C-alpha cells in the first residue's frame, strides 16, 4: 500500500507529497480546532450549549435573538482574529527555524516581533489611535521588515550565517525593547496603559473590521509561502550542498525571512506581542507529522490557531469578569517550553 498522497498543480509547476498518516493527524487537529471554536463561541457571560451554539451559527447573523448578537457581533470576530493570528505566528516561527537552522529561533527571539511592536507603539504614541486601524499593520510590517533586512545585512559575511543571525537578532531585540520603553514613558498615560495591555498580547476588542483588515495580509502572503515552501527543505541542509545543487541560497533565504516578517508583523499589529506560539507550534507539529515542510506548514498553522484560541478562551472565562490577555497564558506555557528546548539543545551539543 502506498504511504503517500501526491498533489500536483502542473500549470504552476508545484507538487506536494503528503504522508497519509499526516493527513489523518491534520484532520484530527482540524476537528479539535472546530470543537474548541464552538466551545469558545458558546462559553462566556452568556453561556450556551454546543447544540444551541451550532443552531445560532447555522441561522446566520440576521436572527433577532440576543444570542445571535453576542455570537456574531462579539465572539465570532474575536475567534477569527485569534485563528488568523495563531496561524501567522506559527508559520513565521516555522520559516525562521528552517532558515536559521536553530530549534530556538522564532519571531520573538530573532527580533522581528520586537520591530513590529516598536513601530506599532510608535503609531499609538504619535497618532493616539485617532486615525484608522488600517494604518497600524503597515507600521508594524514596516518595523518587522526593517528589522529583518537589518539583521540580514548585519549578519552578512560572504553569506549569512544562521548563528550570526541569532546573535544579531538578540542584540536588536534588546535595543528595540529599550526604544519601546522610551516611547511609552513619553506618551500620555492613557495611550501608555492601552499600549501596555496590547504589548502583552490580546484579542480583546476584535471586531469585523479587524477581520477585514487582517485577512488580506494572509491572502497575499500564504500563496507566496506556498511557492517558497519547497525551498525550505533545502535550507535545512546548510549552505554548501544547496549551492552545489544549484540553489540560490541567499536569495531564497531573504525571501523566506521577508515572508516571515510579513506574517509576524501583521499578527503583532492586530493582537499585540503574543509570544512563544512561533516557538511551540513548529516543534509540536514536527512530533506529529515529521520534518517535511509541505505538511509541516499546514500542521503548524492549525496548532498555532489551537494554541491561541485556547489561550484566549482561558483568559476570557477562568478569571471572569476580568479579561486576562491571551499573551499571559502563551507565556506561561512558552517560557518553560523554551527552557526545556534550551536544555535539550545544550545536551545535543555536549
Protein backbone atom coordinates (compact mmCIF):
# COMPACT_ATOMS: atom_id res chain seq x y z
CA UNK A 1 0.00 0.00 0.00
CA UNK A 2 1.26 3.47 -0.93
CA UNK A 3 2.02 5.56 2.18
CA UNK A 4 1.97 8.85 0.31
CA UNK A 5 -0.53 11.09 -1.43
CA UNK A 6 0.68 13.41 -4.18
CA UNK A 7 -0.84 16.75 -5.24
CA UNK A 8 0.38 18.32 -8.49
CA UNK A 9 -0.50 21.70 -9.99
CA UNK A 10 1.19 21.47 -13.37
CA UNK A 11 0.32 24.99 -14.65
CA UNK A 12 2.01 26.46 -11.55
CA UNK A 13 4.81 23.86 -11.59
CA UNK A 14 4.01 22.91 -8.00
CA UNK A 15 3.80 19.50 -6.39
CA UNK A 16 3.32 18.33 -2.82
CA UNK A 17 3.93 14.91 -1.29
CA UNK A 18 1.95 14.09 1.85
CA UNK A 19 2.15 11.04 4.06
CA UNK A 20 -1.33 9.59 4.57
CA UNK A 21 -0.73 9.36 8.32
CA UNK A 22 -0.01 13.10 8.35
CA UNK A 23 -3.31 13.76 6.59
CA UNK A 24 -5.08 11.90 9.39
CA UNK A 25 -3.27 13.99 12.00
CA UNK A 26 -4.22 17.22 10.24
CA UNK A 27 -7.88 16.18 10.02
CA UNK A 28 -7.85 15.35 13.75
CA UNK A 29 -6.34 18.77 14.53
CA UNK A 30 -8.99 20.48 12.39
CA UNK A 31 -11.67 18.60 14.32
CA UNK A 32 -10.07 19.73 17.60
CA UNK A 33 -9.99 23.34 16.37
CA UNK A 34 -13.65 23.13 15.35
CA UNK A 35 -14.71 21.76 18.75
CA UNK A 36 -12.63 24.38 20.53
CA UNK A 37 -14.17 27.10 18.36
CA UNK A 38 -17.72 26.01 19.19
CA UNK A 39 -16.89 25.92 22.92
CA UNK A 40 -15.22 29.35 22.70
CA UNK A 41 -18.18 30.89 20.87
CA UNK A 42 -20.76 29.43 23.24
CA UNK A 43 -18.98 29.94 26.56
CA UNK A 44 -18.84 33.23 28.44
CA UNK A 45 -21.02 35.58 30.47
CA UNK A 46 -23.94 34.37 28.36
CA UNK A 47 -23.29 30.65 28.02
CA UNK A 48 -24.97 28.34 25.52
CA UNK A 49 -24.90 24.62 24.95
CA UNK A 50 -22.87 23.40 21.95
CA UNK A 51 -26.11 22.39 20.19
CA UNK A 52 -27.64 25.85 20.68
CA UNK A 53 -24.39 27.45 19.52
CA UNK A 54 -24.47 25.43 16.30
CA UNK A 55 -28.13 26.36 15.77
CA UNK A 56 -27.35 30.07 16.11
CA UNK A 57 -24.40 29.74 13.73
CA UNK A 58 -26.49 27.94 11.12
CA UNK A 59 -29.27 30.53 11.46
CA UNK A 60 -26.85 33.26 10.35
CA UNK A 61 -26.20 36.78 11.64
CA UNK A 62 -29.68 38.15 10.88
CA UNK A 63 -31.53 36.47 13.73
CA UNK A 64 -33.29 38.54 16.36
CA UNK A 65 -32.26 36.54 19.42
CA UNK A 66 -29.81 38.05 21.90
CA UNK A 67 -27.57 35.00 21.38
CA UNK A 68 -27.23 35.94 17.70
CA UNK A 69 -25.94 39.40 18.60
CA UNK A 70 -23.47 38.04 21.15
CA UNK A 71 -22.10 35.35 18.83
CA UNK A 72 -21.97 37.16 15.51
CA UNK A 73 -21.05 40.67 16.69
CA UNK A 74 -18.63 39.88 19.50
CA UNK A 75 -17.41 36.30 19.76
CA UNK A 76 -17.12 35.26 16.10
CA UNK A 77 -14.76 38.08 15.02
CA UNK A 78 -12.68 37.54 18.15
CA UNK A 79 -12.41 33.84 17.32
CA UNK A 80 -11.44 34.50 13.70
CA UNK A 81 -8.75 37.02 14.68
CA UNK A 82 -7.30 34.50 17.16
CA UNK A 83 -7.25 31.81 14.44
CA UNK A 84 -5.59 34.11 11.88
CA UNK A 85 -3.01 35.44 14.35
CA UNK A 86 -2.16 31.97 15.65
CA UNK A 87 -1.65 30.74 12.10
CA UNK A 88 0.52 33.72 11.14
CA UNK A 89 2.78 33.47 14.21
CA UNK A 90 3.17 29.69 13.86
CA UNK A 91 4.06 29.94 10.17
CA UNK A 92 6.58 32.72 10.86
CA UNK A 93 8.24 30.56 13.51
CA UNK A 94 8.38 27.53 11.21
CA UNK A 95 10.02 29.60 8.48
CA UNK A 96 12.64 31.05 10.81
CA UNK A 97 13.53 27.68 12.34
CA UNK A 98 14.13 26.32 8.84
CA UNK A 99 16.17 29.30 7.64
CA UNK A 100 18.22 29.79 10.80
CA UNK A 101 18.51 26.02 11.36
CA UNK A 102 18.10 26.53 15.07
CA UNK A 103 15.24 25.00 17.11
CA UNK A 104 15.17 28.08 19.35
CA UNK A 105 14.52 30.51 16.50
CA UNK A 106 11.18 32.32 16.49
CA UNK A 107 9.91 35.82 15.68
CA UNK A 108 10.37 36.71 19.36
CA UNK A 109 14.00 35.61 19.59
CA UNK A 110 15.28 36.95 16.28
CA UNK A 111 13.81 40.42 16.87
CA UNK A 112 11.12 40.56 14.18
CA UNK A 113 8.29 40.73 16.71
CA UNK A 114 10.10 43.48 18.62
CA UNK A 115 10.48 45.53 15.43
CA UNK A 116 6.77 45.20 14.65
CA UNK A 117 5.79 46.01 18.24
CA UNK A 118 8.05 49.05 18.42
CA UNK A 119 6.57 50.58 15.26
CA UNK A 120 3.04 49.81 16.43
CA UNK A 121 3.75 51.52 19.77
CA UNK A 122 5.22 54.45 17.85
CA UNK A 123 2.00 54.62 15.85
CA UNK A 124 -0.06 54.69 19.06
CA UNK A 125 2.22 57.33 20.61
CA UNK A 126 2.11 59.66 17.59
CA UNK A 127 -1.49 59.32 16.45
CA UNK A 128 -3.05 58.26 19.78
CA UNK A 129 -5.50 55.99 17.94
CA UNK A 130 -7.12 58.98 16.18
CA UNK A 131 -6.54 57.53 12.73
CA UNK A 132 -7.83 54.36 11.10
CA UNK A 133 -6.62 50.98 12.36
CA UNK A 134 -5.85 50.25 8.70
CA UNK A 135 -2.51 52.05 9.02
CA UNK A 136 -1.30 50.18 12.10
CA UNK A 137 -0.47 46.93 10.24
CA UNK A 138 1.54 48.94 7.73
CA UNK A 139 3.61 50.45 10.54
CA UNK A 140 4.07 47.03 12.17
CA UNK A 141 5.01 45.39 8.89
CA UNK A 142 7.48 48.20 8.16
CA UNK A 143 9.10 47.64 11.55
CA UNK A 144 9.28 43.87 11.11
CA UNK A 145 10.62 44.16 7.55
CA UNK A 146 13.20 46.80 8.53
CA UNK A 147 14.48 44.60 11.36
CA UNK A 148 14.59 41.56 9.06
CA UNK A 149 16.60 43.46 6.44
CA UNK A 150 18.94 44.93 9.08
CA UNK A 151 19.58 41.52 10.64
CA UNK A 152 20.20 40.02 7.22
CA UNK A 153 22.68 42.76 6.27
CA UNK A 154 24.40 42.87 9.67
CA UNK A 155 24.85 39.09 9.67
CA UNK A 156 26.30 39.07 6.13
CA UNK A 157 29.89 37.92 5.78
CA UNK A 158 30.36 36.08 2.49
CA UNK A 159 26.85 34.84 3.02
CA UNK A 160 24.55 34.80 6.02
CA UNK A 161 25.42 32.51 8.90
CA UNK A 162 22.42 31.27 10.94
CA UNK A 163 24.36 31.69 14.19
CA UNK A 164 25.26 35.30 13.33
CA UNK A 165 21.58 35.96 12.61
CA UNK A 166 20.63 34.70 16.07
CA UNK A 167 23.29 36.82 17.79
CA UNK A 168 22.42 39.96 15.82
CA UNK A 169 18.74 39.32 16.47
CA UNK A 170 19.26 39.14 20.23
CA UNK A 171 21.13 42.45 20.20
CA UNK A 172 18.47 44.13 18.04
CA UNK A 173 15.71 42.83 20.32
CA UNK A 174 17.35 44.38 23.40
CA UNK A 175 17.80 47.72 21.61
CA UNK A 176 14.22 47.81 20.34
CA UNK A 177 12.82 46.97 23.77
CA UNK A 178 14.68 49.99 25.14
CA UNK A 179 13.26 52.28 22.44
CA UNK A 180 9.78 50.89 23.02
CA UNK A 181 10.02 51.68 26.73
CA UNK A 182 11.10 55.24 25.92
CA UNK A 183 8.09 55.74 23.65
CA UNK A 184 5.80 54.56 26.43
CA UNK A 185 7.42 56.81 29.02
CA UNK A 186 6.93 59.94 26.92
CA UNK A 187 3.39 59.02 25.79
CA UNK A 188 0.19 60.19 27.54
CA UNK A 189 -0.85 57.90 30.37
CA UNK A 190 -3.99 56.72 28.53
CA UNK A 191 -2.01 55.69 25.45
CA UNK A 192 0.70 54.08 27.61
CA UNK A 193 -1.85 51.97 29.51
CA UNK A 194 -3.53 50.84 26.28
CA UNK A 195 -0.17 50.04 24.69
CA UNK A 196 0.97 48.08 27.75
CA UNK A 197 -2.03 45.73 27.53
CA UNK A 198 -1.59 45.47 23.77
CA UNK A 199 2.13 44.61 24.11
CA UNK A 200 1.22 41.66 26.36
CA UNK A 201 -0.96 40.34 23.54
CA UNK A 202 -4.74 40.18 23.44
CA UNK A 203 -7.61 39.71 21.01
CA UNK A 204 -9.93 41.74 23.22
CA UNK A 205 -11.97 44.23 21.22
CA UNK A 206 -11.60 42.43 17.89
CA UNK A 207 -14.47 43.13 15.51
CA UNK A 208 -15.37 42.50 11.88
CA UNK A 209 -13.27 45.49 10.77
CA UNK A 210 -10.24 43.81 12.35
CA UNK A 211 -11.00 40.62 10.40
CA UNK A 212 -11.40 42.57 7.13
CA UNK A 213 -8.07 44.33 7.61
CA UNK A 214 -6.19 41.23 8.83
CA UNK A 215 -7.37 38.59 6.35
CA UNK A 216 -5.91 40.25 3.19
CA UNK A 217 -2.40 40.05 4.65
CA UNK A 218 -2.65 36.28 4.87
CA UNK A 219 -4.37 36.04 1.48
CA UNK A 220 -1.31 37.72 -0.04
CA UNK A 221 1.42 36.01 1.99
CA UNK A 222 0.13 32.42 2.01
CA UNK A 223 0.40 31.96 -1.80
CA UNK A 224 3.93 33.36 -1.63
CA UNK A 225 4.73 30.87 1.11
CA UNK A 226 3.22 28.02 -0.94
CA UNK A 227 5.70 28.82 -3.71
CA UNK A 228 8.64 29.07 -1.32
CA UNK A 229 7.84 26.06 0.87
CA UNK A 230 9.77 23.60 -1.33
CA UNK A 231 12.89 25.71 -0.81
CA UNK A 232 12.66 25.30 2.95
CA UNK A 233 13.61 21.62 2.85
CA UNK A 234 16.78 22.72 1.03
CA UNK A 235 17.52 25.45 3.59
CA UNK A 236 17.89 22.99 6.45
CA UNK A 237 20.70 21.17 4.57
CA UNK A 238 23.14 24.02 5.20
CA UNK A 239 24.99 26.25 2.74
CA UNK A 240 27.33 24.02 0.75
CA UNK A 241 25.01 21.28 -0.53
CA UNK A 242 22.21 23.58 -1.79
CA UNK A 243 24.75 25.71 -3.68
CA UNK A 244 26.25 22.56 -5.18
CA UNK A 245 22.75 21.57 -6.31
CA UNK A 246 22.29 24.94 -7.98
CA UNK A 247 20.09 26.58 -5.31
CA UNK A 248 20.07 30.37 -4.98
CA UNK A 249 20.65 30.06 -1.28
CA UNK A 250 20.86 33.68 -0.15
CA UNK A 251 18.04 34.95 -2.37
CA UNK A 252 15.73 32.19 -1.13
CA UNK A 253 16.74 32.86 2.47
CA UNK A 254 16.00 36.56 2.09
CA UNK A 255 12.57 35.86 0.53
CA UNK A 256 11.67 33.48 3.34
CA UNK A 257 12.77 35.90 6.07
CA UNK A 258 10.81 38.71 4.42
CA UNK A 259 7.70 36.48 4.30
CA UNK A 260 8.14 35.61 7.98
CA UNK A 261 8.41 39.34 8.73
CA UNK A 262 5.14 39.98 6.94
CA UNK A 263 3.34 37.20 8.82
CA UNK A 264 4.70 38.17 12.23
CA UNK A 265 4.27 41.91 11.64
CA UNK A 266 0.63 41.62 10.59
CA UNK A 267 -0.16 39.40 13.59
CA UNK A 268 1.53 41.77 16.03
CA UNK A 269 -0.36 44.73 14.56
CA UNK A 270 -3.73 43.17 15.38
CA UNK A 271 -3.17 41.10 18.53
CA UNK A 272 -0.04 42.62 20.05
CA UNK A 273 3.09 40.91 21.27
CA UNK A 274 1.77 37.40 21.86
CA UNK A 275 4.88 35.34 22.37
CA UNK A 276 6.07 31.74 22.09
CA UNK A 277 3.46 30.47 19.60
CA UNK A 278 6.09 30.76 16.88
CA UNK A 279 8.38 28.62 19.04
CA UNK A 280 5.95 25.98 20.31
CA UNK A 281 3.76 25.26 17.28
CA UNK A 282 6.56 24.12 14.91
CA UNK A 283 8.07 21.75 17.49
CA UNK A 284 4.70 20.22 18.37
CA UNK A 285 3.94 19.79 14.68
CA UNK A 286 7.26 18.05 13.96
CA UNK A 287 6.41 15.49 16.64
CA UNK A 288 3.09 14.88 14.90
CA UNK A 289 3.88 14.91 11.17
CA UNK A 290 7.66 14.93 10.78
CA UNK A 291 10.00 17.47 9.25
CA UNK A 292 8.84 17.78 5.63
CA UNK A 293 7.89 21.43 5.35
CA UNK A 294 4.97 20.94 2.96
CA UNK A 295 2.80 19.19 5.55
CA UNK A 296 4.63 20.79 8.49
CA UNK A 297 3.43 24.25 7.45
CA UNK A 298 -0.21 23.14 7.38
CA UNK A 299 0.09 21.39 10.73
CA UNK A 300 1.91 24.32 12.36
CA UNK A 301 -0.77 26.76 11.21
CA UNK A 302 -3.52 24.66 12.77
CA UNK A 303 -1.58 24.07 16.01
CA UNK A 304 -0.87 27.81 16.28
CA UNK A 305 -4.57 28.57 15.86
CA UNK A 306 -5.47 25.97 18.51
CA UNK A 307 -2.96 27.41 20.99
CA UNK A 308 -4.14 31.00 20.64
CA UNK A 309 -7.87 30.16 20.65
CA UNK A 310 -7.35 28.04 23.79
CA UNK A 311 -5.31 30.79 25.49
CA UNK A 312 -7.98 33.38 24.68
CA UNK A 313 -10.75 31.09 25.95
CA UNK A 314 -8.95 30.55 29.26
CA UNK A 315 -8.19 34.25 29.68
CA UNK A 316 -11.77 35.24 28.91
CA UNK A 317 -13.55 32.71 31.13
CA UNK A 318 -11.41 31.43 34.01
CA UNK A 319 -10.99 34.85 35.64
CA UNK A 320 -14.33 36.35 34.53
CA UNK A 321 -15.42 39.12 34.64
CA UNK A 322 -11.76 40.08 34.15
CA UNK A 323 -10.45 39.54 30.62
CA UNK A 324 -6.84 38.40 31.00
CA UNK A 325 -4.73 38.91 27.84
CA UNK A 326 -4.08 35.70 25.91
CA UNK A 327 -0.35 36.54 25.84
CA UNK A 328 -0.15 35.86 29.58
CA UNK A 329 -1.12 32.21 29.08
CA UNK A 330 1.03 31.66 26.00
CA UNK A 331 3.94 32.95 28.07
CA UNK A 332 3.07 30.60 30.95
CA UNK A 333 3.28 27.70 28.51
CA UNK A 334 6.06 29.05 26.33
CA UNK A 335 8.64 30.05 28.94
CA UNK A 336 9.01 26.51 30.39
CA UNK A 337 8.94 25.13 26.85
CA UNK A 338 11.77 27.47 25.85
CA UNK A 339 13.85 26.38 28.87
CA UNK A 340 13.18 22.72 28.01
CA UNK A 341 14.33 23.27 24.43
CA UNK A 342 17.40 25.17 25.66
CA UNK A 343 18.44 22.26 27.88
CA UNK A 344 17.73 19.79 25.09
CA UNK A 345 19.87 21.70 22.59
CA UNK A 346 22.67 22.01 25.14
CA UNK A 347 22.67 18.24 25.73
CA UNK A 348 22.89 17.58 21.99
CA UNK A 349 25.88 19.91 21.67
CA UNK A 350 27.66 18.41 24.71
